[in-house]
Amino acid sequence: MRVRIHCLRERGRPLPKHQFAFKPAPVGWLTVHEERDNVLNRYTRVARFRAMENSNELLPALRDAQLVELTRERLILSGIERQEDLVINKIEDFAQTWVCWLDAET
């Protein structure tokens, strides 16, 4: 589904509303599906936000994605954002919330 997304957190901490209120939200394709997570050793729901042109990921995947709210204009997904640093072999998981504005041109 074609959406515009605002992230409400950075490294797990809530962003002040003024930081994202006037910031343009990128447009892309939102998909949610189940996939195997080798770190958690189980299947989990994963939300991905990809570019319209070349399907590159615009944001890190949202793991354990849950639908928090659904209205005519938007949906809100909450989950875990994983940041991996392969150089120092470190994996960190942070809470993240996406506000997905349904694009009128869909």
N, C-alpha and C. Protein backbone atom coordinates (compact mmCIF):
# COMPACT_ATOMS: atom_id res chain seq x y z
N MET A 1 0.85 -1.16 0.00
CA MET A 1 0.00 0.00 0.00
C MET A 1 0.90 1.24 0.00
N ARG A 2 0.49 2.24 -0.74
CA ARG A 2 1.27 3.47 -0.86
C ARG A 2 0.96 4.39 0.31
N VAL A 3 1.99 4.80 1.05
CA VAL A 3 1.81 5.63 2.24
C VAL A 3 2.93 6.66 2.37
N ARG A 4 2.70 7.61 3.27
CA ARG A 4 3.73 8.55 3.74
C ARG A 4 3.96 8.22 5.21
N ILE A 5 5.20 8.19 5.65
CA ILE A 5 5.49 7.73 7.01
C ILE A 5 6.26 8.77 7.82
N HIS A 6 5.81 8.95 9.06
CA HIS A 6 6.56 9.70 10.08
C HIS A 6 6.98 8.72 11.16
N CYS A 7 8.24 8.73 11.55
CA CYS A 7 8.72 7.93 12.68
C CYS A 7 8.59 8.78 13.94
N LEU A 8 8.05 8.20 15.00
CA LEU A 8 7.81 8.94 16.23
C LEU A 8 8.93 8.79 17.25
N ARG A 9 9.92 7.94 16.96
CA ARG A 9 11.00 7.70 17.91
C ARG A 9 12.35 7.69 17.20
N GLU A 10 13.39 7.99 17.98
CA GLU A 10 14.76 7.86 17.50
C GLU A 10 15.55 7.12 18.56
N ARG A 11 16.08 5.95 18.19
CA ARG A 11 16.79 5.06 19.12
C ARG A 11 15.95 4.78 20.37
N GLY A 12 14.64 4.62 20.16
CA GLY A 12 13.73 4.25 21.24
C GLY A 12 13.16 5.40 22.04
N ARG A 13 13.67 6.60 21.84
CA ARG A 13 13.19 7.76 22.60
C ARG A 13 12.19 8.56 21.77
N PRO A 14 11.08 8.98 22.39
CA PRO A 14 10.08 9.76 21.65
C PRO A 14 10.66 11.07 21.14
N LEU A 15 10.33 11.41 19.89
CA LEU A 15 10.73 12.69 19.31
C LEU A 15 9.71 13.75 19.71
N PRO A 16 10.16 14.98 19.98
CA PRO A 16 9.21 16.06 20.22
C PRO A 16 8.37 16.30 18.96
N LYS A 17 7.11 16.62 19.15
CA LYS A 17 6.20 16.76 18.00
C LYS A 17 6.66 17.81 17.00
N HIS A 18 7.32 18.86 17.47
CA HIS A 18 7.76 19.90 16.54
C HIS A 18 8.84 19.40 15.58
N GLN A 19 9.53 18.32 15.93
CA GLN A 19 10.58 17.80 15.04
C GLN A 19 10.03 17.09 13.82
N PHE A 20 8.84 16.52 13.92
CA PHE A 20 8.30 15.83 12.74
C PHE A 20 7.04 16.48 12.19
N ALA A 21 6.51 17.49 12.87
CA ALA A 21 5.26 18.11 12.44
C ALA A 21 5.39 18.78 11.07
N PHE A 22 6.52 19.43 10.81
CA PHE A 22 6.69 20.15 9.55
C PHE A 22 7.69 19.48 8.62
N LYS A 23 8.16 18.33 9.01
CA LYS A 23 9.12 17.59 8.20
C LYS A 23 8.36 16.80 7.14
N PRO A 24 8.78 16.88 5.87
CA PRO A 24 8.07 16.12 4.84
C PRO A 24 8.24 14.62 5.07
N ALA A 25 7.16 13.89 4.88
CA ALA A 25 7.17 12.44 5.05
C ALA A 25 7.45 11.78 3.71
N PRO A 26 8.41 10.85 3.65
CA PRO A 26 8.69 10.18 2.38
C PRO A 26 7.53 9.29 1.94
N VAL A 27 7.38 9.15 0.63
CA VAL A 27 6.33 8.30 0.06
C VAL A 27 6.96 6.99 -0.38
N GLY A 28 6.26 5.90 -0.10
CA GLY A 28 6.76 4.59 -0.51
C GLY A 28 5.71 3.52 -0.34
N TRP A 29 6.15 2.27 -0.54
CA TRP A 29 5.26 1.11 -0.42
C TRP A 29 5.44 0.47 0.95
N LEU A 30 4.33 0.27 1.64
CA LEU A 30 4.33 -0.40 2.94
C LEU A 30 3.86 -1.83 2.75
N THR A 31 4.65 -2.78 3.26
CA THR A 31 4.24 -4.18 3.24
C THR A 31 4.41 -4.74 4.65
N VAL A 32 3.54 -5.67 5.02
CA VAL A 32 3.63 -6.36 6.30
C VAL A 32 3.47 -7.85 6.03
N HIS A 33 4.40 -8.64 6.52
CA HIS A 33 4.34 -10.09 6.32
C HIS A 33 5.11 -10.79 7.43
N GLU A 34 4.97 -12.10 7.51
CA GLU A 34 5.71 -12.88 8.50
C GLU A 34 7.00 -13.39 7.88
N GLU A 35 8.06 -13.36 8.67
CA GLU A 35 9.33 -13.93 8.23
C GLU A 35 10.10 -14.44 9.44
N ARG A 36 11.04 -15.30 9.18
CA ARG A 36 11.85 -15.91 10.24
C ARG A 36 12.90 -14.91 10.71
N ASP A 37 12.96 -14.70 12.02
CA ASP A 37 13.97 -13.84 12.63
C ASP A 37 14.98 -14.75 13.32
N ASN A 38 16.20 -14.81 12.78
CA ASN A 38 17.21 -15.70 13.32
C ASN A 38 17.73 -15.25 14.68
N VAL A 39 17.67 -13.96 14.97
CA VAL A 39 18.12 -13.47 16.28
C VAL A 39 17.14 -13.90 17.36
N LEU A 40 15.84 -13.77 17.08
CA LEU A 40 14.81 -14.17 18.05
C LEU A 40 14.50 -15.65 17.98
N ASN A 41 14.95 -16.30 16.92
CA ASN A 41 14.72 -17.73 16.71
C ASN A 41 13.23 -18.07 16.64
N ARG A 42 12.48 -17.25 15.89
CA ARG A 42 11.04 -17.49 15.71
C ARG A 42 10.55 -16.67 14.52
N TYR A 43 9.30 -16.95 14.13
CA TYR A 43 8.65 -16.15 13.09
C TYR A 43 8.06 -14.90 13.73
N THR A 44 8.10 -13.81 12.99
CA THR A 44 7.59 -12.54 13.50
C THR A 44 7.00 -11.73 12.34
N ARG A 45 6.05 -10.84 12.66
CA ARG A 45 5.49 -9.93 11.65
C ARG A 45 6.48 -8.80 11.41
N VAL A 46 6.77 -8.54 10.15
CA VAL A 46 7.74 -7.51 9.79
C VAL A 46 7.10 -6.53 8.82
N ALA A 47 7.17 -5.24 9.16
CA ALA A 47 6.69 -4.18 8.27
C ALA A 47 7.91 -3.58 7.57
N ARG A 48 7.79 -3.38 6.27
CA ARG A 48 8.88 -2.79 5.49
C ARG A 48 8.35 -1.60 4.70
N PHE A 49 9.18 -0.58 4.58
CA PHE A 49 8.83 0.63 3.84
C PHE A 49 9.87 0.81 2.74
N ARG A 50 9.42 0.67 1.50
CA ARG A 50 10.34 0.67 0.35
C ARG A 50 10.05 1.84 -0.59
N ALA A 51 11.09 2.25 -1.30
CA ALA A 51 10.99 3.33 -2.28
C ALA A 51 10.09 2.91 -3.43
N MET A 52 9.41 3.87 -4.03
CA MET A 52 8.49 3.61 -5.13
C MET A 52 9.27 3.17 -6.38
N GLU A 53 10.42 3.79 -6.63
CA GLU A 53 11.13 3.59 -7.89
C GLU A 53 11.91 2.28 -7.94
N ASN A 54 12.67 1.99 -6.87
CA ASN A 54 13.62 0.88 -6.97
C ASN A 54 13.50 -0.14 -5.84
N SER A 55 12.53 -0.03 -5.01
CA SER A 55 12.24 -0.93 -3.89
C SER A 55 13.37 -1.04 -2.86
N ASN A 56 14.23 -0.01 -2.78
CA ASN A 56 15.20 0.05 -1.69
C ASN A 56 14.48 0.39 -0.39
N GLU A 57 14.96 -0.14 0.72
CA GLU A 57 14.32 0.16 2.01
C GLU A 57 14.63 1.59 2.41
N LEU A 58 13.58 2.36 2.73
CA LEU A 58 13.74 3.75 3.16
C LEU A 58 13.95 3.85 4.66
N LEU A 59 13.44 2.88 5.40
CA LEU A 59 13.57 2.84 6.86
C LEU A 59 13.96 1.43 7.28
N PRO A 60 14.60 1.29 8.44
CA PRO A 60 14.85 -0.07 8.94
C PRO A 60 13.52 -0.79 9.16
N ALA A 61 13.51 -2.09 8.95
CA ALA A 61 12.29 -2.89 9.10
C ALA A 61 11.75 -2.77 10.53
N LEU A 62 10.43 -2.86 10.65
CA LEU A 62 9.76 -2.82 11.94
C LEU A 62 9.35 -4.24 12.29
N ARG A 63 10.01 -4.83 13.29
CA ARG A 63 9.76 -6.22 13.68
C ARG A 63 8.71 -6.29 14.78
N ASP A 64 8.04 -7.42 14.88
CA ASP A 64 6.93 -7.60 15.82
C ASP A 64 5.90 -6.48 15.63
N ALA A 65 5.64 -6.13 14.37
CA ALA A 65 4.75 -5.01 14.04
C ALA A 65 3.33 -5.30 14.51
N GLN A 66 2.73 -4.30 15.17
CA GLN A 66 1.35 -4.40 15.63
C GLN A 66 0.59 -3.17 15.14
N LEU A 67 -0.63 -3.41 14.69
CA LEU A 67 -1.50 -2.31 14.29
C LEU A 67 -2.10 -1.71 15.55
N VAL A 68 -1.81 -0.43 15.78
CA VAL A 68 -2.29 0.26 16.98
C VAL A 68 -3.58 1.01 16.69
N GLU A 69 -3.65 1.64 15.50
CA GLU A 69 -4.82 2.44 15.15
C GLU A 69 -5.02 2.42 13.64
N LEU A 70 -6.27 2.43 13.22
CA LEU A 70 -6.60 2.47 11.80
C LEU A 70 -7.79 3.40 11.62
N THR A 71 -7.59 4.45 10.81
CA THR A 71 -8.67 5.38 10.48
C THR A 71 -8.71 5.54 8.96
N ARG A 72 -9.56 6.43 8.49
CA ARG A 72 -9.66 6.66 7.04
C ARG A 72 -8.39 7.32 6.48
N GLU A 73 -7.70 8.11 7.32
CA GLU A 73 -6.55 8.87 6.86
C GLU A 73 -5.21 8.21 7.15
N ARG A 74 -5.15 7.39 8.19
CA ARG A 74 -3.85 6.88 8.62
C ARG A 74 -3.96 5.55 9.33
N LEU A 75 -2.81 4.91 9.46
CA LEU A 75 -2.69 3.75 10.33
C LEU A 75 -1.41 3.92 11.13
N ILE A 76 -1.41 3.39 12.34
CA ILE A 76 -0.25 3.49 13.21
C ILE A 76 0.25 2.09 13.52
N LEU A 77 1.53 1.87 13.24
CA LEU A 77 2.18 0.59 13.51
C LEU A 77 3.24 0.80 14.59
N SER A 78 3.31 -0.13 15.51
CA SER A 78 4.31 -0.08 16.57
C SER A 78 5.10 -1.37 16.55
N GLY A 79 6.37 -1.30 16.86
CA GLY A 79 7.19 -2.50 16.86
C GLY A 79 8.62 -2.22 17.30
N ILE A 80 9.52 -3.06 16.83
CA ILE A 80 10.93 -2.98 17.21
C ILE A 80 11.77 -2.72 15.97
N GLU A 81 12.65 -1.73 16.08
CA GLU A 81 13.58 -1.39 15.01
C GLU A 81 14.95 -1.93 15.40
N ARG A 82 15.56 -2.70 14.52
CA ARG A 82 16.86 -3.31 14.82
C ARG A 82 17.96 -2.55 14.10
N GLN A 83 19.01 -2.23 14.85
CA GLN A 83 20.19 -1.61 14.26
C GLN A 83 21.37 -2.54 14.51
N GLU A 84 22.01 -2.95 13.41
CA GLU A 84 23.11 -3.90 13.49
C GLU A 84 24.41 -3.22 13.09
N ASP A 85 25.45 -3.44 13.86
CA ASP A 85 26.79 -2.97 13.52
C ASP A 85 27.66 -4.20 13.36
N LEU A 86 27.86 -4.62 12.12
CA LEU A 86 28.60 -5.85 11.86
C LEU A 86 30.09 -5.73 12.15
N VAL A 87 30.61 -4.50 12.14
CA VAL A 87 32.04 -4.30 12.39
C VAL A 87 32.39 -4.69 13.83
N ILE A 88 31.56 -4.27 14.77
CA ILE A 88 31.83 -4.61 16.18
C ILE A 88 30.91 -5.72 16.68
N ASN A 89 30.17 -6.34 15.76
CA ASN A 89 29.29 -7.47 16.09
C ASN A 89 28.30 -7.10 17.19
N LYS A 90 27.55 -6.00 16.96
CA LYS A 90 26.60 -5.51 17.96
C LYS A 90 25.22 -5.36 17.32
N ILE A 91 24.21 -5.86 18.01
CA ILE A 91 22.82 -5.73 17.57
C ILE A 91 22.03 -5.05 18.67
N GLU A 92 21.32 -3.97 18.31
CA GLU A 92 20.48 -3.26 19.27
C GLU A 92 19.06 -3.18 18.74
N ASP A 93 18.09 -3.41 19.61
CA ASP A 93 16.68 -3.29 19.27
C ASP A 93 16.10 -2.09 20.02
N PHE A 94 15.31 -1.28 19.29
CA PHE A 94 14.70 -0.10 19.88
C PHE A 94 13.21 -0.08 19.56
N ALA A 95 12.42 0.46 20.47
CA ALA A 95 11.00 0.66 20.21
C ALA A 95 10.85 1.70 19.10
N GLN A 96 9.85 1.50 18.23
CA GLN A 96 9.59 2.45 17.15
C GLN A 96 8.11 2.46 16.84
N THR A 97 7.60 3.61 16.45
CA THR A 97 6.21 3.76 16.03
C THR A 97 6.19 4.52 14.71
N TRP A 98 5.45 3.98 13.75
CA TRP A 98 5.27 4.63 12.46
C TRP A 98 3.84 5.14 12.35
N VAL A 99 3.70 6.41 11.97
CA VAL A 99 2.39 6.94 11.58
C VAL A 99 2.39 6.92 10.06
N CYS A 100 1.52 6.10 9.49
CA CYS A 100 1.46 5.89 8.04
C CYS A 100 0.24 6.60 7.49
N TRP A 101 0.47 7.69 6.78
CA TRP A 101 -0.62 8.46 6.18
C TRP A 101 -0.96 7.83 4.84
N LEU A 102 -2.20 7.43 4.68
CA LEU A 102 -2.62 6.80 3.43
C LEU A 102 -2.57 7.84 2.32
N ASP A 103 -1.87 7.51 1.26
CA ASP A 103 -1.66 8.46 0.17
C ASP A 103 -2.91 8.52 -0.69
N ALA A 104 -3.38 9.73 -0.97
CA ALA A 104 -4.62 9.93 -1.73
C ALA A 104 -4.48 9.48 -3.18
N GLU A 105 -3.25 9.38 -3.69
CA GLU A 105 -3.03 9.01 -5.09
C GLU A 105 -3.00 7.50 -5.30
N THR A 106 -3.32 6.73 -4.28
CA THR A 106 -3.27 5.27 -4.38
C THR A 106 -4.34 4.75 -5.31
